Amino acid sequence: AWPDRIGRLREPGSGEYLLTGGMGAEAPRSWSDPPEWVAVVDLDRGPHGPRIRAAVPITRDLAERAAHRLRSQEQVASFDVDRGRISGRRVDRLGAIELSSTPQTPDFPAAQRAVQSVVADSGLDAIGWDDAAEGLRRRVAFLAHHLGEPWPSMSLDDLQRTIDTWCAPEIALLADGARVRDLDLHAALRRSLPWPEAGRLDELAPERFTVPSGSSIRITYPTDPQERPIIAVKLQELFGLTQTPRLVDGRVPVLFHLLSPAQRPLAITDDLASFWSGPYAQVRAENRGKYSKHPWPEDPLTAPPQRGTKRSGR
């Protein structure tokens, strides 16, 4: 009459049962040797959790026959974050009670559910999110903020929610036995960009900017796309540059973090022309003695840019 009230000991001698209906229940304290299988007649749902008040010991065979309508087999995939891979098994269940488990290569839907679950719990880092993927995500999110559609927002929440769409080929690789280290999430994000607009990504939001010294400096895009991209570079490498680069077809000027030869911050500006004609004199006065091996010309607009010391000539 109540196949959902068939119970099995969770562990031998534990006194804790799992019922086919999914409920857990404790054996009566009077039971010195709880049987493995029981048919529960009466349950006390007290404040400390369900406790069996009356039950009949039964065999596994009788349990399987009595609850045969609850019998099912399913493929289950689990994601081992430490090993960075998915494993699968075929599970035979009697309701919520697992009868047996056999290792088996997971199919795509099972692998997909496993990835969705681990990403929901642990974030994208669990599947190999790296600096390259994060850098691309920030650039596209920056364009989405300033240009709107068709550029996708690419917020971390959106990417976690739609992992089964933009990352489907990589999930299929995991299902086939690949490890997280084999995935290229940067390529997965690239694949999801809108075309033909994606052809202008490096023009609208470049990864790097070449300064007058010849150095190719990485542009740091903000986690909040409303904020400004930053170029952190030694002040001496910018001698002669007066025009602040602007991104997104001239809409957004970058913010220069001007550094000392020891890579310490000296000034922040998005208007180089004003900096050279004003605050530079004070910066020069405060630092030329401290960094005497490096050039501090009175006229930075005509001085050659340098990466190294005055002696190195670079």
Protein backbone atom coordinates (compact mmCIF):
# COMPACT_ATOMS: atom_id res chain seq x y z
CA ALA A 1 0.00 0.00 0.00
CA TRP A 2 2.87 2.39 0.81
CA PRO A 3 5.91 1.41 -1.29
CA ASP A 4 7.51 4.73 -0.38
CA ARG A 5 7.82 3.47 3.23
CA ILE A 6 10.25 0.66 2.50
CA GLY A 7 13.56 1.43 4.18
CA ARG A 8 17.16 0.28 4.04
CA LEU A 9 19.96 0.88 6.55
CA ARG A 10 22.29 3.60 5.35
CA GLU A 11 25.26 1.81 6.93
CA PRO A 12 25.39 -1.55 8.76
CA GLY A 13 24.74 -0.99 12.46
CA SER A 14 24.03 2.72 12.00
CA GLY A 15 20.37 2.64 13.02
CA GLU A 16 19.61 5.20 10.29
CA TYR A 17 17.34 4.27 7.41
CA LEU A 18 16.72 5.77 4.01
CA LEU A 19 13.20 5.22 2.75
CA THR A 20 12.34 4.68 -0.90
CA GLY A 21 10.37 7.93 -0.77
CA GLY A 22 13.56 9.85 0.05
CA MET A 23 12.96 10.43 3.75
CA GLY A 24 15.51 9.51 6.39
CA ALA A 25 14.39 7.96 9.67
CA GLU A 26 16.00 6.59 12.82
CA ALA A 27 15.36 3.08 14.13
CA PRO A 28 13.65 2.75 17.53
CA ARG A 29 16.15 2.92 20.39
CA SER A 30 14.91 -0.47 21.54
CA TRP A 31 16.32 -2.17 18.44
CA SER A 32 19.71 -3.64 19.34
CA ASP A 33 20.29 -5.15 15.89
CA PRO A 34 18.37 -3.20 13.21
CA PRO A 35 17.55 -5.34 10.13
CA GLU A 36 18.86 -4.19 6.73
CA TRP A 37 15.41 -3.89 5.14
CA VAL A 38 12.12 -2.89 6.79
CA ALA A 39 8.57 -2.01 5.86
CA VAL A 40 7.65 0.96 8.02
CA VAL A 41 4.19 0.90 9.58
CA ASP A 42 4.32 4.01 11.73
CA LEU A 43 6.58 7.08 11.83
CA ASP A 44 6.99 9.70 14.51
CA ARG A 45 7.79 13.02 12.83
CA GLY A 46 9.03 14.71 15.99
CA PRO A 47 11.07 17.91 16.40
CA HIS A 48 14.33 15.92 16.26
CA GLY A 49 13.53 14.27 12.95
CA PRO A 50 11.52 11.22 11.84
CA ARG A 51 11.80 8.10 13.98
CA ILE A 52 10.36 4.67 13.23
CA ARG A 53 7.74 3.65 15.79
CA ALA A 54 6.76 0.36 14.19
CA ALA A 55 8.20 -1.64 11.29
CA VAL A 56 8.40 -5.17 9.91
CA PRO A 57 11.75 -6.73 8.86
CA ILE A 58 11.64 -7.84 5.21
CA THR A 59 14.06 -9.28 2.66
CA ARG A 60 15.56 -7.36 -0.25
CA ASP A 61 13.63 -9.59 -2.65
CA LEU A 62 10.33 -8.66 -1.01
CA ALA A 63 11.34 -4.98 -0.98
CA GLU A 64 12.05 -5.06 -4.71
CA ARG A 65 8.75 -6.82 -5.48
CA ALA A 66 6.68 -4.55 -3.23
CA ALA A 67 8.19 -1.34 -4.63
CA HIS A 68 8.74 -2.50 -8.20
CA ARG A 69 6.95 0.55 -9.57
CA LEU A 70 9.66 2.72 -8.02
CA ARG A 71 12.47 0.76 -9.72
CA SER A 72 14.56 2.81 -12.13
CA GLN A 73 17.93 2.92 -13.82
CA GLU A 74 19.71 6.09 -14.74
CA GLN A 75 23.08 7.30 -15.86
CA VAL A 76 24.71 9.62 -13.34
CA ALA A 77 27.73 11.82 -14.01
CA SER A 78 29.79 13.53 -11.33
CA PHE A 79 32.49 16.14 -11.70
CA ASP A 80 35.65 15.65 -9.63
CA VAL A 81 37.02 19.18 -9.24
CA ASP A 82 40.36 17.99 -7.81
CA ARG A 83 41.00 15.60 -10.71
CA GLY A 84 39.42 17.96 -13.21
CA ARG A 85 37.34 15.36 -15.00
CA ILE A 86 33.88 13.80 -15.22
CA SER A 87 33.14 10.20 -14.27
CA GLY A 88 29.93 8.32 -14.99
CA ARG A 89 28.05 5.33 -13.63
CA ARG A 90 24.84 3.42 -14.28
CA VAL A 91 22.75 3.43 -11.10
CA ASP A 92 19.98 0.96 -10.27
CA ARG A 93 17.54 2.47 -7.76
CA LEU A 94 14.54 1.45 -5.76
CA GLY A 95 13.02 4.88 -5.30
CA ALA A 96 15.69 6.89 -3.47
CA ILE A 97 17.63 3.78 -2.42
CA GLU A 98 20.65 2.92 -4.56
CA LEU A 99 20.82 -0.82 -5.16
CA SER A 100 23.92 -0.98 -7.36
CA SER A 101 26.29 1.20 -9.33
CA THR A 102 28.38 0.31 -12.40
CA PRO A 103 31.09 2.55 -13.95
CA GLN A 104 30.05 3.80 -17.38
CA THR A 105 31.09 6.55 -19.76
CA PRO A 106 28.58 9.38 -19.26
CA ASP A 107 26.43 10.56 -22.14
CA PHE A 108 26.30 14.23 -23.08
CA PRO A 109 23.12 15.17 -21.13
CA ALA A 110 24.52 13.61 -17.94
CA ALA A 111 27.88 15.35 -18.43
CA GLN A 112 26.05 18.61 -19.09
CA ARG A 113 24.14 18.33 -15.81
CA ALA A 114 27.37 17.56 -13.94
CA VAL A 115 29.12 20.63 -15.36
CA GLN A 116 26.11 22.86 -14.69
CA SER A 117 26.02 21.65 -11.10
CA VAL A 118 29.70 22.21 -10.35
CA VAL A 119 29.70 25.63 -12.05
CA ALA A 120 26.63 26.67 -10.05
CA ASP A 121 28.39 25.63 -6.83
CA SER A 122 32.02 26.60 -7.52
CA GLY A 123 31.99 29.04 -10.43
CA LEU A 124 33.76 28.90 -13.78
CA ASP A 125 37.15 28.34 -12.14
CA ALA A 126 36.11 24.70 -11.65
CA ILE A 127 36.29 24.07 -15.40
CA GLY A 128 39.56 25.84 -16.17
CA TRP A 129 38.69 29.53 -16.33
CA ASP A 130 41.98 31.36 -16.87
CA ASP A 131 43.44 34.84 -17.45
CA ALA A 132 43.01 34.59 -21.22
CA ALA A 133 39.30 33.78 -20.94
CA GLU A 134 38.77 36.44 -18.28
CA GLY A 135 40.56 39.06 -20.38
CA LEU A 136 38.33 38.32 -23.39
CA ARG A 137 35.22 38.31 -21.21
CA ARG A 138 36.04 41.76 -19.85
CA ARG A 139 36.72 43.20 -23.31
CA VAL A 140 33.42 41.95 -24.71
CA ALA A 141 31.49 43.04 -21.60
CA PHE A 142 33.08 46.48 -22.02
CA LEU A 143 31.83 46.68 -25.62
CA ALA A 144 28.39 45.41 -24.65
CA HIS A 145 28.12 48.21 -22.08
CA HIS A 146 29.14 50.96 -24.51
CA LEU A 147 27.66 49.64 -27.77
CA GLY A 148 24.86 47.30 -26.71
CA GLU A 149 23.63 44.60 -29.07
CA PRO A 150 24.77 42.47 -30.74
CA TRP A 151 27.64 42.32 -28.24
CA PRO A 152 26.62 39.93 -25.40
CA SER A 153 26.90 41.13 -21.81
CA MET A 154 29.13 38.21 -20.75
CA SER A 155 28.67 38.82 -17.04
CA LEU A 156 29.92 35.90 -14.95
CA ASP A 157 26.34 35.19 -13.87
CA ASP A 158 25.18 35.02 -17.50
CA LEU A 159 28.06 32.74 -18.48
CA GLN A 160 27.37 30.39 -15.59
CA ARG A 161 23.68 30.29 -16.44
CA THR A 162 24.27 29.59 -20.16
CA ILE A 163 27.27 27.26 -19.80
CA ASP A 164 25.44 24.50 -21.70
CA THR A 165 25.14 26.78 -24.76
CA TRP A 166 28.47 28.53 -25.31
CA CYS A 167 30.55 25.69 -23.87
CA ALA A 168 28.75 22.70 -25.43
CA PRO A 169 31.73 21.31 -27.44
CA GLU A 170 33.97 21.50 -24.37
CA ILE A 171 31.35 19.70 -22.24
CA ALA A 172 31.23 16.99 -24.92
CA LEU A 173 35.01 16.62 -24.60
CA LEU A 174 34.67 16.21 -20.83
CA ALA A 175 32.00 13.57 -21.39
CA ASP A 176 34.46 11.69 -23.62
CA GLY A 177 37.07 11.63 -20.86
CA ALA A 178 39.01 14.87 -21.41
CA ARG A 179 40.36 16.74 -18.41
CA VAL A 180 39.76 20.38 -17.57
CA ARG A 181 43.37 21.17 -18.50
CA ASP A 182 42.57 20.10 -22.08
CA LEU A 183 39.86 22.74 -22.50
CA ASP A 184 40.31 26.14 -24.14
CA LEU A 185 37.61 28.39 -22.71
CA HIS A 186 39.10 31.41 -24.45
CA ALA A 187 38.35 29.72 -27.78
CA ALA A 188 34.87 28.82 -26.54
CA LEU A 189 34.11 32.47 -25.78
CA ARG A 190 35.54 33.58 -29.13
CA ARG A 191 33.22 31.13 -30.84
CA SER A 192 30.20 32.74 -29.20
CA LEU A 193 30.95 36.27 -30.43
CA PRO A 194 28.57 37.87 -32.96
CA TRP A 195 29.60 37.97 -36.60
CA PRO A 196 30.61 40.01 -38.51
CA GLU A 197 31.02 42.39 -35.57
CA ALA A 198 33.59 40.10 -33.94
CA GLY A 199 36.00 41.01 -36.73
CA ARG A 200 36.34 44.47 -35.14
CA LEU A 201 37.01 43.28 -31.58
CA ASP A 202 40.74 44.05 -31.69
CA GLU A 203 40.04 47.43 -33.22
CA LEU A 204 37.34 48.48 -30.77
CA ALA A 205 38.85 46.97 -27.63
CA PRO A 206 42.47 45.96 -28.32
CA GLU A 207 44.42 43.77 -25.92
CA ARG A 208 47.54 45.95 -26.12
CA PHE A 209 48.75 49.45 -26.93
CA THR A 210 52.18 50.23 -28.38
CA VAL A 211 53.69 53.21 -26.54
CA PRO A 212 56.33 55.58 -28.08
CA SER A 213 59.22 53.52 -26.66
CA GLY A 214 58.06 50.57 -28.72
CA SER A 215 56.81 48.53 -25.77
CA SER A 216 53.51 46.70 -26.27
CA ILE A 217 51.61 47.29 -23.03
CA ARG A 218 48.61 45.22 -22.02
CA ILE A 219 45.40 47.17 -21.51
CA THR A 220 43.68 46.16 -18.28
CA TYR A 221 39.92 46.14 -18.77
CA PRO A 222 37.80 46.61 -15.63
CA THR A 223 35.64 43.97 -13.97
CA ASP A 224 32.89 46.63 -13.95
CA PRO A 225 32.43 47.63 -17.62
CA GLN A 226 31.31 51.11 -16.55
CA GLU A 227 34.85 51.86 -15.36
CA ARG A 228 37.85 52.85 -17.51
CA PRO A 229 40.46 50.59 -19.09
CA ILE A 230 43.95 51.15 -17.69
CA ILE A 231 47.41 51.27 -19.24
CA ALA A 232 50.11 51.04 -16.57
CA VAL A 233 53.46 52.12 -18.05
CA LYS A 234 56.71 53.81 -17.04
CA LEU A 235 56.45 57.56 -17.52
CA GLN A 236 59.69 57.72 -19.57
CA GLU A 237 58.19 55.43 -22.23
CA LEU A 238 55.55 58.04 -23.07
CA PHE A 239 57.78 61.06 -23.84
CA GLY A 240 56.41 62.80 -26.92
CA LEU A 241 52.91 61.35 -26.69
CA THR A 242 50.19 63.96 -26.24
CA GLN A 243 47.09 62.22 -27.52
CA THR A 244 45.46 59.82 -25.08
CA PRO A 245 44.26 56.73 -26.96
CA ARG A 246 40.52 56.29 -27.08
CA LEU A 247 38.70 53.00 -27.47
CA VAL A 248 35.31 51.95 -28.87
CA ASP A 249 35.53 54.22 -31.93
CA GLY A 250 36.78 57.14 -29.84
CA ARG A 251 34.11 56.94 -27.15
CA VAL A 252 36.26 56.01 -24.13
CA PRO A 253 39.73 57.38 -23.26
CA VAL A 254 42.07 55.02 -21.44
CA LEU A 255 43.38 55.93 -18.02
CA PHE A 256 47.17 56.06 -17.85
CA HIS A 257 48.80 54.90 -14.62
CA LEU A 258 52.22 56.52 -14.94
CA LEU A 259 54.91 54.53 -13.14
CA SER A 260 58.38 55.26 -11.80
CA PRO A 261 61.39 53.25 -13.05
CA ALA A 262 60.75 51.03 -9.99
CA GLN A 263 57.17 50.43 -11.19
CA ARG A 264 55.67 52.59 -8.42
CA PRO A 265 52.69 54.86 -9.22
CA LEU A 266 53.52 58.51 -9.90
CA ALA A 267 50.34 59.90 -11.46
CA ILE A 268 47.03 58.98 -13.06
CA THR A 269 45.71 60.84 -16.08
CA ASP A 270 43.52 60.54 -19.15
CA ASP A 271 44.87 63.82 -20.57
CA LEU A 272 48.58 63.51 -21.36
CA ALA A 273 48.86 66.96 -22.90
CA SER A 274 47.65 68.58 -19.66
CA PHE A 275 49.89 66.32 -17.57
CA TRP A 276 53.07 67.27 -19.47
CA SER A 277 52.29 70.98 -19.26
CA GLY A 278 51.34 70.92 -15.58
CA PRO A 279 51.82 68.15 -12.98
CA TYR A 280 54.89 66.69 -14.73
CA ALA A 281 57.12 69.46 -13.39
CA GLN A 282 56.28 68.49 -9.80
CA VAL A 283 56.69 64.78 -10.51
CA ARG A 284 60.09 65.52 -12.11
CA ALA A 285 61.24 67.57 -9.13
CA GLU A 286 60.27 64.83 -6.65
CA ASN A 287 61.82 61.92 -8.54
CA ARG A 288 64.82 63.01 -10.62
CA GLY A 289 67.15 62.64 -7.62
CA LYS A 290 65.69 59.30 -6.56
CA TYR A 291 65.96 57.86 -10.08
CA SER A 292 68.99 59.76 -11.35
CA LYS A 293 69.98 57.06 -13.84
CA HIS A 294 66.77 57.65 -15.78
CA PRO A 295 65.93 60.67 -17.91
CA TRP A 296 63.77 63.48 -16.53
CA PRO A 297 63.91 66.12 -19.27
CA GLU A 298 62.50 69.58 -18.79
CA ASP A 299 60.64 69.23 -22.10
CA PRO A 300 59.09 65.72 -22.24
CA LEU A 301 57.40 66.47 -25.57
CA THR A 302 60.67 66.62 -27.52
CA ALA A 303 62.69 64.08 -25.50
CA PRO A 304 63.06 60.57 -26.96
CA PRO A 305 61.08 57.92 -25.06
CA GLN A 306 63.16 55.36 -23.15
CA ARG A 307 62.59 51.97 -21.58
CA GLY A 308 65.90 51.74 -19.77
CA THR A 309 68.43 54.06 -18.14
CA LYS A 310 70.21 57.01 -19.72
CA ARG A 311 73.35 54.90 -20.12
CA SER A 312 71.56 51.97 -21.74
CA GLY A 313 70.20 54.22 -24.46
CA ARG A 314 67.13 52.04 -24.82
